[in-house]
């Protein structure tokens, strides 16, 4: 092991970031053993997985956006009267950073930021999200406008709204 350390210090076999990581793992292997090296590798892989999946959700929460608003901007509608649909604009679900983090992390959200504790599973936030204050006011204003002025634009099909209805189904349930 001392000879290998000496050779590694004098002449590294890889350069750059990969060389630095390989040297660090080799040093862990030589000084601490195989189990600690495997644990280090698994910890780094797990950290990358958690950050790659959790960071986008936290960024959306801090920006007061939902995945629906970002993925399908102006493609979500709500029925305010029979055959009258109103588009939901960006920021409709804006509840503030604190409430957004509470919805993602659960009721014990502050503890979950620093400790590995359960926050509970709340499906209602994904199934039926609550509108923000500005979104509710805008929707009430739109409803009042429709009641006073009537409907200005009549849409005959969902294709006019930008929706893809999918394939047509025939009489016997097969796709035409």
N, C-alpha and C. Protein backbone atom coordinates (compact mmCIF):
# COMPACT_ATOMS: atom_id res chain seq x y z
N UNK A 1 0.81 -1.20 0.00
CA UNK A 1 0.00 0.00 0.00
C UNK A 1 0.85 1.26 0.00
N UNK A 2 1.96 1.34 0.78
CA UNK A 2 2.77 2.56 0.74
C UNK A 2 3.38 2.81 -0.64
N UNK A 3 3.77 1.73 -1.33
CA UNK A 3 4.34 1.88 -2.66
C UNK A 3 3.29 2.42 -3.64
N UNK A 4 2.06 1.94 -3.51
CA UNK A 4 0.98 2.40 -4.39
C UNK A 4 0.68 3.87 -4.14
N UNK A 5 0.69 4.30 -2.88
CA UNK A 5 0.45 5.70 -2.55
C UNK A 5 1.53 6.59 -3.14
N UNK A 6 2.75 6.12 -3.06
CA UNK A 6 3.88 6.89 -3.58
C UNK A 6 3.75 7.05 -5.09
N UNK A 7 3.39 5.97 -5.78
CA UNK A 7 3.23 6.04 -7.23
C UNK A 7 2.07 6.96 -7.61
N UNK A 8 1.00 6.90 -6.85
CA UNK A 8 -0.16 7.73 -7.13
C UNK A 8 0.17 9.21 -6.95
N UNK A 9 0.95 9.53 -5.91
CA UNK A 9 1.31 10.92 -5.65
C UNK A 9 2.24 11.45 -6.72
N UNK A 10 3.14 10.62 -7.20
CA UNK A 10 4.11 11.07 -8.20
C UNK A 10 3.50 11.17 -9.59
N UNK A 11 2.68 10.20 -9.96
CA UNK A 11 2.20 10.11 -11.34
C UNK A 11 0.74 9.68 -11.35
N UNK A 12 -0.19 10.63 -11.28
CA UNK A 12 -1.60 10.24 -11.32
C UNK A 12 -1.96 9.68 -12.70
N UNK A 13 -2.82 8.66 -12.70
CA UNK A 13 -3.15 8.00 -13.97
C UNK A 13 -4.29 8.69 -14.71
N UNK A 14 -5.07 9.53 -14.07
CA UNK A 14 -6.13 10.30 -14.72
C UNK A 14 -6.00 11.76 -14.33
N UNK A 15 -6.41 12.63 -15.22
CA UNK A 15 -6.36 14.06 -14.92
C UNK A 15 -7.77 14.63 -14.85
N UNK A 16 -7.88 15.83 -14.36
CA UNK A 16 -9.18 16.50 -14.28
C UNK A 16 -10.01 16.00 -13.12
N UNK A 17 -11.32 16.23 -13.23
CA UNK A 17 -12.25 15.85 -12.17
C UNK A 17 -12.31 14.35 -11.97
N UNK A 18 -12.31 13.60 -13.08
CA UNK A 18 -12.36 12.13 -12.95
C UNK A 18 -11.11 11.61 -12.27
N UNK A 19 -9.95 12.20 -12.56
CA UNK A 19 -8.72 11.78 -11.90
C UNK A 19 -8.74 12.09 -10.41
N UNK A 20 -9.29 13.26 -10.07
CA UNK A 20 -9.38 13.63 -8.66
C UNK A 20 -10.31 12.67 -7.91
N UNK A 21 -11.47 12.36 -8.52
CA UNK A 21 -12.41 11.43 -7.88
C UNK A 21 -11.83 10.03 -7.75
N UNK A 22 -11.16 9.57 -8.81
CA UNK A 22 -10.54 8.24 -8.76
C UNK A 22 -9.45 8.19 -7.71
N UNK A 23 -8.65 9.24 -7.62
CA UNK A 23 -7.60 9.30 -6.60
C UNK A 23 -8.19 9.30 -5.19
N UNK A 24 -9.28 10.06 -5.01
CA UNK A 24 -9.92 10.10 -3.69
C UNK A 24 -10.49 8.74 -3.32
N UNK A 25 -11.16 8.06 -4.27
CA UNK A 25 -11.71 6.73 -3.98
C UNK A 25 -10.61 5.72 -3.71
N UNK A 26 -9.51 5.82 -4.46
CA UNK A 26 -8.39 4.90 -4.23
C UNK A 26 -7.77 5.14 -2.86
N UNK A 27 -7.69 6.40 -2.47
CA UNK A 27 -7.15 6.73 -1.14
C UNK A 27 -8.06 6.19 -0.04
N UNK A 28 -9.38 6.31 -0.23
CA UNK A 28 -10.33 5.75 0.74
C UNK A 28 -10.18 4.24 0.80
N UNK A 29 -10.04 3.61 -0.37
CA UNK A 29 -9.88 2.15 -0.42
C UNK A 29 -8.62 1.72 0.32
N UNK A 30 -7.52 2.42 0.09
CA UNK A 30 -6.26 2.02 0.71
C UNK A 30 -6.24 2.27 2.21
N UNK A 31 -6.85 3.38 2.64
CA UNK A 31 -6.76 3.71 4.06
C UNK A 31 -7.91 3.14 4.90
N UNK A 32 -9.11 3.01 4.33
CA UNK A 32 -10.27 2.61 5.13
C UNK A 32 -10.84 1.25 4.78
N UNK A 33 -10.59 0.76 3.60
CA UNK A 33 -11.09 -0.57 3.25
C UNK A 33 -12.20 -0.53 2.22
N UNK A 34 -12.56 -1.73 1.75
CA UNK A 34 -13.52 -1.88 0.67
C UNK A 34 -14.93 -1.46 1.07
N UNK A 35 -15.37 -1.77 2.31
CA UNK A 35 -16.73 -1.45 2.72
C UNK A 35 -16.96 0.06 2.74
N UNK A 36 -16.00 0.79 3.27
CA UNK A 36 -16.14 2.25 3.34
C UNK A 36 -16.13 2.86 1.94
N UNK A 37 -15.32 2.30 1.03
CA UNK A 37 -15.30 2.81 -0.33
C UNK A 37 -16.66 2.59 -1.00
N UNK A 38 -17.24 1.40 -0.84
CA UNK A 38 -18.56 1.13 -1.41
C UNK A 38 -19.62 2.04 -0.80
N UNK A 39 -19.54 2.25 0.51
CA UNK A 39 -20.49 3.15 1.17
C UNK A 39 -20.36 4.57 0.64
N UNK A 40 -19.14 5.01 0.40
CA UNK A 40 -18.91 6.35 -0.15
C UNK A 40 -19.51 6.47 -1.55
N UNK A 41 -19.29 5.46 -2.38
CA UNK A 41 -19.83 5.49 -3.74
C UNK A 41 -21.36 5.50 -3.71
N UNK A 42 -21.96 4.63 -2.90
CA UNK A 42 -23.43 4.58 -2.81
C UNK A 42 -24.01 5.87 -2.25
N UNK A 43 -23.30 6.50 -1.31
CA UNK A 43 -23.76 7.77 -0.76
C UNK A 43 -23.76 8.86 -1.81
N UNK A 44 -22.70 8.92 -2.61
CA UNK A 44 -22.62 9.94 -3.67
C UNK A 44 -23.70 9.70 -4.72
N UNK A 45 -23.93 8.45 -5.12
CA UNK A 45 -24.98 8.14 -6.10
C UNK A 45 -26.35 8.51 -5.54
N UNK A 46 -26.60 8.19 -4.27
CA UNK A 46 -27.87 8.55 -3.64
C UNK A 46 -28.06 10.05 -3.54
N UNK A 47 -27.00 10.77 -3.22
CA UNK A 47 -27.07 12.24 -3.14
C UNK A 47 -27.41 12.84 -4.50
N UNK A 48 -26.80 12.32 -5.55
CA UNK A 48 -27.10 12.82 -6.89
C UNK A 48 -28.56 12.54 -7.25
N UNK A 49 -29.07 11.36 -6.91
CA UNK A 49 -30.47 11.03 -7.21
C UNK A 49 -31.43 11.94 -6.45
N UNK A 50 -31.17 12.16 -5.17
CA UNK A 50 -32.05 13.01 -4.36
C UNK A 50 -32.03 14.45 -4.87
N UNK A 51 -30.85 14.96 -5.17
CA UNK A 51 -30.76 16.34 -5.66
C UNK A 51 -31.40 16.51 -7.03
N UNK A 52 -31.22 15.52 -7.91
CA UNK A 52 -31.79 15.66 -9.25
C UNK A 52 -33.30 15.58 -9.25
N UNK A 53 -33.90 14.92 -8.28
CA UNK A 53 -35.36 14.83 -8.22
C UNK A 53 -35.97 15.86 -7.29
N UNK A 54 -35.28 16.21 -6.23
CA UNK A 54 -35.83 17.13 -5.25
C UNK A 54 -35.61 18.60 -5.57
N UNK A 55 -34.48 18.91 -6.17
CA UNK A 55 -34.17 20.31 -6.45
C UNK A 55 -35.17 20.97 -7.40
N UNK A 56 -35.59 20.31 -8.51
CA UNK A 56 -36.60 20.96 -9.36
C UNK A 56 -37.91 21.23 -8.64
N UNK A 57 -38.34 20.33 -7.77
CA UNK A 57 -39.58 20.55 -7.02
C UNK A 57 -39.45 21.74 -6.08
N UNK A 58 -38.31 21.87 -5.41
CA UNK A 58 -38.10 23.01 -4.53
C UNK A 58 -38.01 24.31 -5.31
N UNK A 59 -37.38 24.28 -6.48
CA UNK A 59 -37.29 25.49 -7.31
C UNK A 59 -38.68 25.93 -7.78
N UNK A 60 -39.52 24.98 -8.19
CA UNK A 60 -40.88 25.34 -8.59
C UNK A 60 -41.64 25.94 -7.42
N UNK A 61 -41.47 25.37 -6.23
CA UNK A 61 -42.16 25.89 -5.04
C UNK A 61 -41.69 27.30 -4.71
N UNK A 62 -40.40 27.54 -4.83
CA UNK A 62 -39.88 28.87 -4.52
C UNK A 62 -40.25 29.90 -5.58
N UNK A 63 -40.52 29.45 -6.81
CA UNK A 63 -40.94 30.36 -7.88
C UNK A 63 -42.45 30.50 -7.96
N UNK A 64 -43.18 29.91 -7.02
CA UNK A 64 -44.64 29.95 -7.01
C UNK A 64 -45.23 29.41 -8.31
N UNK A 65 -44.72 28.29 -8.77
CA UNK A 65 -45.22 27.65 -9.99
C UNK A 65 -45.56 26.20 -9.69
N UNK A 66 -46.41 25.64 -10.53
CA UNK A 66 -46.68 24.21 -10.44
C UNK A 66 -46.16 23.55 -11.71
N UNK A 67 -46.03 22.24 -11.67
CA UNK A 67 -45.57 21.51 -12.85
C UNK A 67 -46.54 21.71 -14.00
N UNK A 68 -47.84 21.75 -13.71
CA UNK A 68 -48.84 21.98 -14.75
C UNK A 68 -48.63 23.33 -15.43
N UNK A 69 -48.39 24.37 -14.65
CA UNK A 69 -48.22 25.71 -15.21
C UNK A 69 -46.97 25.80 -16.08
N UNK A 70 -45.92 25.12 -15.69
CA UNK A 70 -44.67 25.18 -16.43
C UNK A 70 -44.72 24.30 -17.68
N UNK A 71 -45.26 23.09 -17.53
CA UNK A 71 -45.29 22.14 -18.65
C UNK A 71 -46.32 22.53 -19.69
N UNK A 72 -47.50 22.92 -19.25
CA UNK A 72 -48.58 23.27 -20.17
C UNK A 72 -49.08 24.69 -19.89
N UNK A 73 -48.32 25.71 -20.28
CA UNK A 73 -48.77 27.08 -19.99
C UNK A 73 -50.04 27.42 -20.77
N UNK A 74 -50.99 27.98 -20.07
CA UNK A 74 -52.29 28.40 -20.63
C UNK A 74 -53.04 27.26 -21.30
N UNK A 75 -52.88 26.03 -20.84
CA UNK A 75 -53.59 24.88 -21.41
C UNK A 75 -54.54 24.26 -20.40
N UNK A 76 -54.70 24.89 -19.26
CA UNK A 76 -55.60 24.36 -18.25
C UNK A 76 -56.80 25.29 -18.15
N UNK A 77 -57.98 24.69 -18.18
CA UNK A 77 -59.22 25.47 -18.19
C UNK A 77 -60.11 25.04 -17.04
N UNK A 78 -60.98 25.97 -16.61
CA UNK A 78 -61.96 25.67 -15.58
C UNK A 78 -63.33 26.07 -16.13
N UNK A 79 -64.34 25.24 -15.84
CA UNK A 79 -65.69 25.53 -16.31
C UNK A 79 -66.35 26.46 -15.31
N UNK A 80 -66.69 27.68 -15.75
CA UNK A 80 -67.30 28.64 -14.83
C UNK A 80 -68.81 28.69 -14.98
N UNK A 81 -69.34 28.24 -16.12
CA UNK A 81 -70.77 28.10 -16.38
C UNK A 81 -70.93 26.95 -17.36
N UNK A 82 -72.14 26.46 -17.56
CA UNK A 82 -72.30 25.40 -18.56
C UNK A 82 -71.79 25.85 -19.94
N UNK A 83 -70.89 25.08 -20.51
CA UNK A 83 -70.27 25.35 -21.81
C UNK A 83 -69.44 26.63 -21.84
N UNK A 84 -69.03 27.15 -20.69
CA UNK A 84 -68.18 28.34 -20.63
C UNK A 84 -66.92 27.97 -19.87
N UNK A 85 -65.78 28.04 -20.56
CA UNK A 85 -64.50 27.66 -19.97
C UNK A 85 -63.57 28.86 -19.94
N UNK A 86 -62.80 28.95 -18.89
CA UNK A 86 -61.87 30.05 -18.70
C UNK A 86 -60.46 29.48 -18.52
N UNK A 87 -59.46 30.01 -19.26
CA UNK A 87 -58.10 29.49 -19.08
C UNK A 87 -57.51 29.97 -17.76
N UNK A 88 -56.70 29.12 -17.17
CA UNK A 88 -56.00 29.48 -15.95
C UNK A 88 -54.60 29.91 -16.33
N UNK A 89 -54.26 31.14 -16.02
CA UNK A 89 -52.96 31.68 -16.40
C UNK A 89 -51.86 31.33 -15.42
N UNK A 90 -50.64 31.76 -15.73
CA UNK A 90 -49.52 31.50 -14.83
C UNK A 90 -49.73 32.21 -13.50
N UNK A 91 -49.38 31.55 -12.44
CA UNK A 91 -49.54 32.11 -11.10
C UNK A 91 -50.90 31.88 -10.49
N UNK A 92 -51.77 31.11 -11.16
CA UNK A 92 -53.11 30.86 -10.62
C UNK A 92 -53.03 30.13 -9.29
N UNK A 93 -52.08 29.22 -9.15
CA UNK A 93 -51.95 28.43 -7.92
C UNK A 93 -50.93 29.02 -6.95
N UNK A 94 -50.52 30.25 -7.14
CA UNK A 94 -49.48 30.86 -6.32
C UNK A 94 -49.98 31.06 -4.89
N UNK A 95 -49.39 30.33 -3.96
CA UNK A 95 -49.79 30.41 -2.55
C UNK A 95 -48.70 31.00 -1.67
N UNK A 96 -47.55 31.31 -2.22
CA UNK A 96 -46.43 31.80 -1.44
C UNK A 96 -45.44 30.68 -1.16
N UNK A 97 -44.19 31.06 -0.94
CA UNK A 97 -43.12 30.07 -0.77
C UNK A 97 -43.37 29.19 0.44
N UNK A 98 -43.77 29.76 1.55
CA UNK A 98 -43.96 28.98 2.78
C UNK A 98 -45.05 27.91 2.60
N UNK A 99 -46.18 28.30 2.03
CA UNK A 99 -47.28 27.34 1.83
C UNK A 99 -46.90 26.28 0.79
N UNK A 100 -46.18 26.68 -0.26
CA UNK A 100 -45.74 25.71 -1.26
C UNK A 100 -44.81 24.66 -0.66
N UNK A 101 -43.84 25.10 0.14
CA UNK A 101 -42.93 24.15 0.79
C UNK A 101 -43.69 23.26 1.77
N UNK A 102 -44.68 23.82 2.44
CA UNK A 102 -45.49 23.03 3.37
C UNK A 102 -46.26 21.95 2.62
N UNK A 103 -46.76 22.27 1.41
CA UNK A 103 -47.48 21.27 0.63
C UNK A 103 -46.56 20.16 0.14
N UNK A 104 -45.34 20.50 -0.25
CA UNK A 104 -44.40 19.49 -0.75
C UNK A 104 -43.85 18.65 0.39
N UNK A 105 -43.44 19.28 1.47
CA UNK A 105 -42.75 18.57 2.55
C UNK A 105 -43.68 18.08 3.65
N UNK A 106 -44.94 18.48 3.66
CA UNK A 106 -45.88 18.02 4.69
C UNK A 106 -46.00 19.01 5.83
N UNK A 107 -46.73 18.62 6.85
CA UNK A 107 -47.01 19.54 7.95
C UNK A 107 -45.76 19.84 8.79
N UNK A 108 -44.85 18.89 8.85
CA UNK A 108 -43.60 19.12 9.60
C UNK A 108 -42.49 19.51 8.63
N UNK A 109 -42.78 20.49 7.78
CA UNK A 109 -41.87 20.84 6.69
C UNK A 109 -40.54 21.39 7.17
N UNK A 110 -40.52 22.15 8.23
CA UNK A 110 -39.26 22.73 8.71
C UNK A 110 -38.33 21.65 9.23
N UNK A 111 -38.88 20.69 9.96
CA UNK A 111 -38.06 19.58 10.46
C UNK A 111 -37.54 18.72 9.30
N UNK A 112 -38.35 18.56 8.25
CA UNK A 112 -37.94 17.73 7.11
C UNK A 112 -36.82 18.36 6.31
N UNK A 113 -36.66 19.67 6.39
CA UNK A 113 -35.54 20.30 5.70
C UNK A 113 -34.21 19.93 6.33
N UNK A 114 -34.21 19.62 7.62
CA UNK A 114 -32.95 19.39 8.33
C UNK A 114 -32.80 17.98 8.89
N UNK A 115 -33.90 17.27 9.09
CA UNK A 115 -33.85 15.93 9.70
C UNK A 115 -34.59 14.92 8.82
N UNK A 116 -34.21 13.67 8.89
CA UNK A 116 -34.92 12.64 8.10
C UNK A 116 -36.18 12.15 8.81
N UNK A 117 -37.22 12.99 8.84
CA UNK A 117 -38.48 12.61 9.47
C UNK A 117 -39.58 12.56 8.42
N UNK A 118 -40.65 11.81 8.71
CA UNK A 118 -41.78 11.71 7.78
C UNK A 118 -42.62 12.97 7.84
N UNK A 119 -43.16 13.34 6.69
CA UNK A 119 -44.01 14.52 6.64
C UNK A 119 -45.46 14.18 6.37
N UNK A 120 -45.74 12.93 6.07
CA UNK A 120 -47.11 12.54 5.74
C UNK A 120 -47.37 12.67 4.25
N UNK A 121 -48.28 11.87 3.76
CA UNK A 121 -48.63 11.88 2.34
C UNK A 121 -49.95 12.62 2.17
N UNK A 122 -49.92 13.73 1.47
CA UNK A 122 -51.11 14.54 1.20
C UNK A 122 -51.40 14.48 -0.30
N UNK A 123 -52.33 13.65 -0.71
CA UNK A 123 -52.65 13.51 -2.13
C UNK A 123 -53.53 14.64 -2.64
N UNK A 124 -54.25 15.32 -1.76
CA UNK A 124 -55.19 16.34 -2.22
C UNK A 124 -54.49 17.51 -2.90
N UNK A 125 -53.24 17.77 -2.56
CA UNK A 125 -52.53 18.88 -3.21
C UNK A 125 -52.25 18.58 -4.68
N UNK A 126 -52.05 17.33 -5.01
CA UNK A 126 -51.82 16.96 -6.40
C UNK A 126 -53.11 16.73 -7.17
N UNK A 127 -54.14 16.24 -6.48
CA UNK A 127 -55.40 15.93 -7.15
C UNK A 127 -56.26 17.18 -7.34
N UNK A 128 -56.36 17.97 -6.30
CA UNK A 128 -57.21 19.17 -6.35
C UNK A 128 -56.45 20.34 -5.74
N UNK A 129 -55.51 20.95 -6.50
CA UNK A 129 -54.72 22.04 -5.92
C UNK A 129 -55.57 23.26 -5.61
N UNK A 130 -55.19 23.96 -4.57
CA UNK A 130 -55.92 25.15 -4.13
C UNK A 130 -55.44 26.38 -4.90
N UNK A 131 -56.35 27.20 -5.31
CA UNK A 131 -56.00 28.42 -6.05
C UNK A 131 -55.42 29.45 -5.10
N UNK A 132 -54.54 30.28 -5.62
CA UNK A 132 -53.99 31.37 -4.84
C UNK A 132 -54.98 32.53 -4.76
N UNK A 133 -54.65 33.53 -3.98
CA UNK A 133 -55.54 34.68 -3.78
C UNK A 133 -55.75 35.42 -5.10
N UNK A 134 -54.64 35.70 -5.82
CA UNK A 134 -54.76 36.42 -7.09
C UNK A 134 -55.55 35.60 -8.11
N UNK A 135 -55.33 34.29 -8.13
CA UNK A 135 -56.06 33.43 -9.06
C UNK A 135 -57.55 33.41 -8.77
N UNK A 136 -57.91 33.37 -7.50
CA UNK A 136 -59.33 33.38 -7.13
C UNK A 136 -59.99 34.70 -7.51
N UNK A 137 -59.29 35.80 -7.27
CA UNK A 137 -59.82 37.12 -7.64
C UNK A 137 -60.00 37.22 -9.15
N UNK A 138 -59.01 36.76 -9.92
CA UNK A 138 -59.10 36.81 -11.38
C UNK A 138 -60.25 35.95 -11.89
N UNK A 139 -60.46 34.79 -11.28
CA UNK A 139 -61.55 33.91 -11.70
C UNK A 139 -62.91 34.53 -11.39
N UNK A 140 -63.04 35.16 -10.21
CA UNK A 140 -64.29 35.84 -9.87
C UNK A 140 -64.56 37.01 -10.82
N UNK A 141 -63.49 37.75 -11.17
CA UNK A 141 -63.65 38.86 -12.12
C UNK A 141 -64.10 38.35 -13.48
N UNK A 142 -63.53 37.23 -13.93
CA UNK A 142 -63.92 36.66 -15.22
C UNK A 142 -65.36 36.19 -15.18
N UNK A 143 -65.80 35.58 -14.08
CA UNK A 143 -67.19 35.13 -13.94
C UNK A 143 -68.14 36.32 -13.98
N UNK A 144 -67.78 37.40 -13.28
CA UNK A 144 -68.59 38.61 -13.28
C UNK A 144 -68.66 39.20 -14.70
N UNK A 145 -67.54 39.19 -15.42
CA UNK A 145 -67.50 39.71 -16.78
C UNK A 145 -68.40 38.90 -17.71
N UNK A 146 -68.40 37.58 -17.57
CA UNK A 146 -69.25 36.72 -18.40
C UNK A 146 -70.72 36.98 -18.08
N UNK A 147 -71.05 37.18 -16.80
CA UNK A 147 -72.44 37.44 -16.42
C UNK A 147 -72.92 38.79 -16.96
N UNK A 148 -72.03 39.80 -16.97
CA UNK A 148 -72.42 41.14 -17.42
C UNK A 148 -72.40 41.27 -18.95
N UNK A 149 -71.34 40.78 -19.59
CA UNK A 149 -71.15 41.00 -21.02
C UNK A 149 -71.49 39.80 -21.89
N UNK A 150 -71.59 38.63 -21.29
CA UNK A 150 -71.84 37.42 -22.06
C UNK A 150 -70.54 36.84 -22.61
N UNK A 151 -70.69 35.78 -23.38
CA UNK A 151 -69.52 35.09 -23.95
C UNK A 151 -69.14 35.78 -25.25
N UNK A 152 -67.85 36.14 -25.39
CA UNK A 152 -67.39 36.84 -26.59
C UNK A 152 -66.86 35.87 -27.64
N UNK A 153 -66.11 34.86 -27.22
CA UNK A 153 -65.52 33.89 -28.15
C UNK A 153 -66.16 32.54 -27.92
N UNK A 154 -66.74 31.99 -28.96
CA UNK A 154 -67.35 30.67 -28.86
C UNK A 154 -66.42 29.65 -29.50
N UNK A 155 -66.14 28.59 -28.77
CA UNK A 155 -65.25 27.54 -29.24
C UNK A 155 -66.09 26.32 -29.57
N UNK A 156 -65.91 25.78 -30.77
CA UNK A 156 -66.72 24.65 -31.21
C UNK A 156 -66.08 23.30 -30.90
N UNK A 157 -64.77 23.26 -30.75
CA UNK A 157 -64.11 21.98 -30.47
C UNK A 157 -62.90 22.20 -29.58
N UNK A 158 -62.45 21.12 -28.99
CA UNK A 158 -61.29 21.22 -28.10
C UNK A 158 -60.01 21.47 -28.89
N UNK A 159 -59.99 21.17 -30.20
CA UNK A 159 -58.80 21.45 -31.01
C UNK A 159 -58.54 22.95 -31.10
N UNK A 160 -59.60 23.76 -31.06
CA UNK A 160 -59.43 25.22 -31.10
C UNK A 160 -58.73 25.73 -29.85
N UNK A 161 -58.83 25.00 -28.76
CA UNK A 161 -58.16 25.38 -27.52
C UNK A 161 -56.75 24.83 -27.44
N UNK A 162 -56.36 24.02 -28.43
CA UNK A 162 -55.02 23.45 -28.43
C UNK A 162 -54.93 22.07 -27.82
N UNK A 163 -56.08 21.43 -27.58
CA UNK A 163 -56.08 20.09 -27.00
C UNK A 163 -56.06 19.04 -28.09
N UNK A 164 -55.38 17.95 -27.85
CA UNK A 164 -55.40 16.80 -28.74
C UNK A 164 -56.36 15.78 -28.14
N UNK A 165 -57.52 15.56 -28.77
CA UNK A 165 -58.51 14.65 -28.17
C UNK A 165 -58.13 13.18 -28.27
N UNK A 166 -57.09 12.86 -29.03
CA UNK A 166 -56.69 11.46 -29.19
C UNK A 166 -57.40 10.83 -30.37
N UNK A 167 -57.18 9.56 -30.58
CA UNK A 167 -57.80 8.90 -31.73
C UNK A 167 -59.31 8.75 -31.55
N UNK A 168 -60.03 8.74 -32.68
CA UNK A 168 -61.48 8.57 -32.63
C UNK A 168 -61.79 7.10 -32.36
N UNK A 169 -62.84 6.87 -31.60
CA UNK A 169 -63.25 5.51 -31.27
C UNK A 169 -64.45 5.15 -32.13
N UNK A 170 -64.39 3.97 -32.74
CA UNK A 170 -65.48 3.51 -33.60
C UNK A 170 -66.65 2.96 -32.81
N UNK A 171 -67.63 2.42 -33.52
CA UNK A 171 -68.86 1.90 -32.92
C UNK A 171 -68.56 0.74 -31.97
N UNK A 172 -67.62 -0.11 -32.34
CA UNK A 172 -67.33 -1.29 -31.54
C UNK A 172 -66.19 -1.08 -30.54
N UNK A 173 -65.82 0.16 -30.30
CA UNK A 173 -64.79 0.47 -29.32
C UNK A 173 -63.38 0.43 -29.87
N UNK A 174 -63.22 0.13 -31.16
CA UNK A 174 -61.88 0.11 -31.72
C UNK A 174 -61.52 1.49 -32.26
N UNK A 175 -60.22 1.73 -32.40
CA UNK A 175 -59.74 3.02 -32.86
C UNK A 175 -59.90 3.10 -34.37
N UNK A 176 -60.48 4.21 -34.86
CA UNK A 176 -60.71 4.39 -36.30
C UNK A 176 -59.44 4.91 -36.95
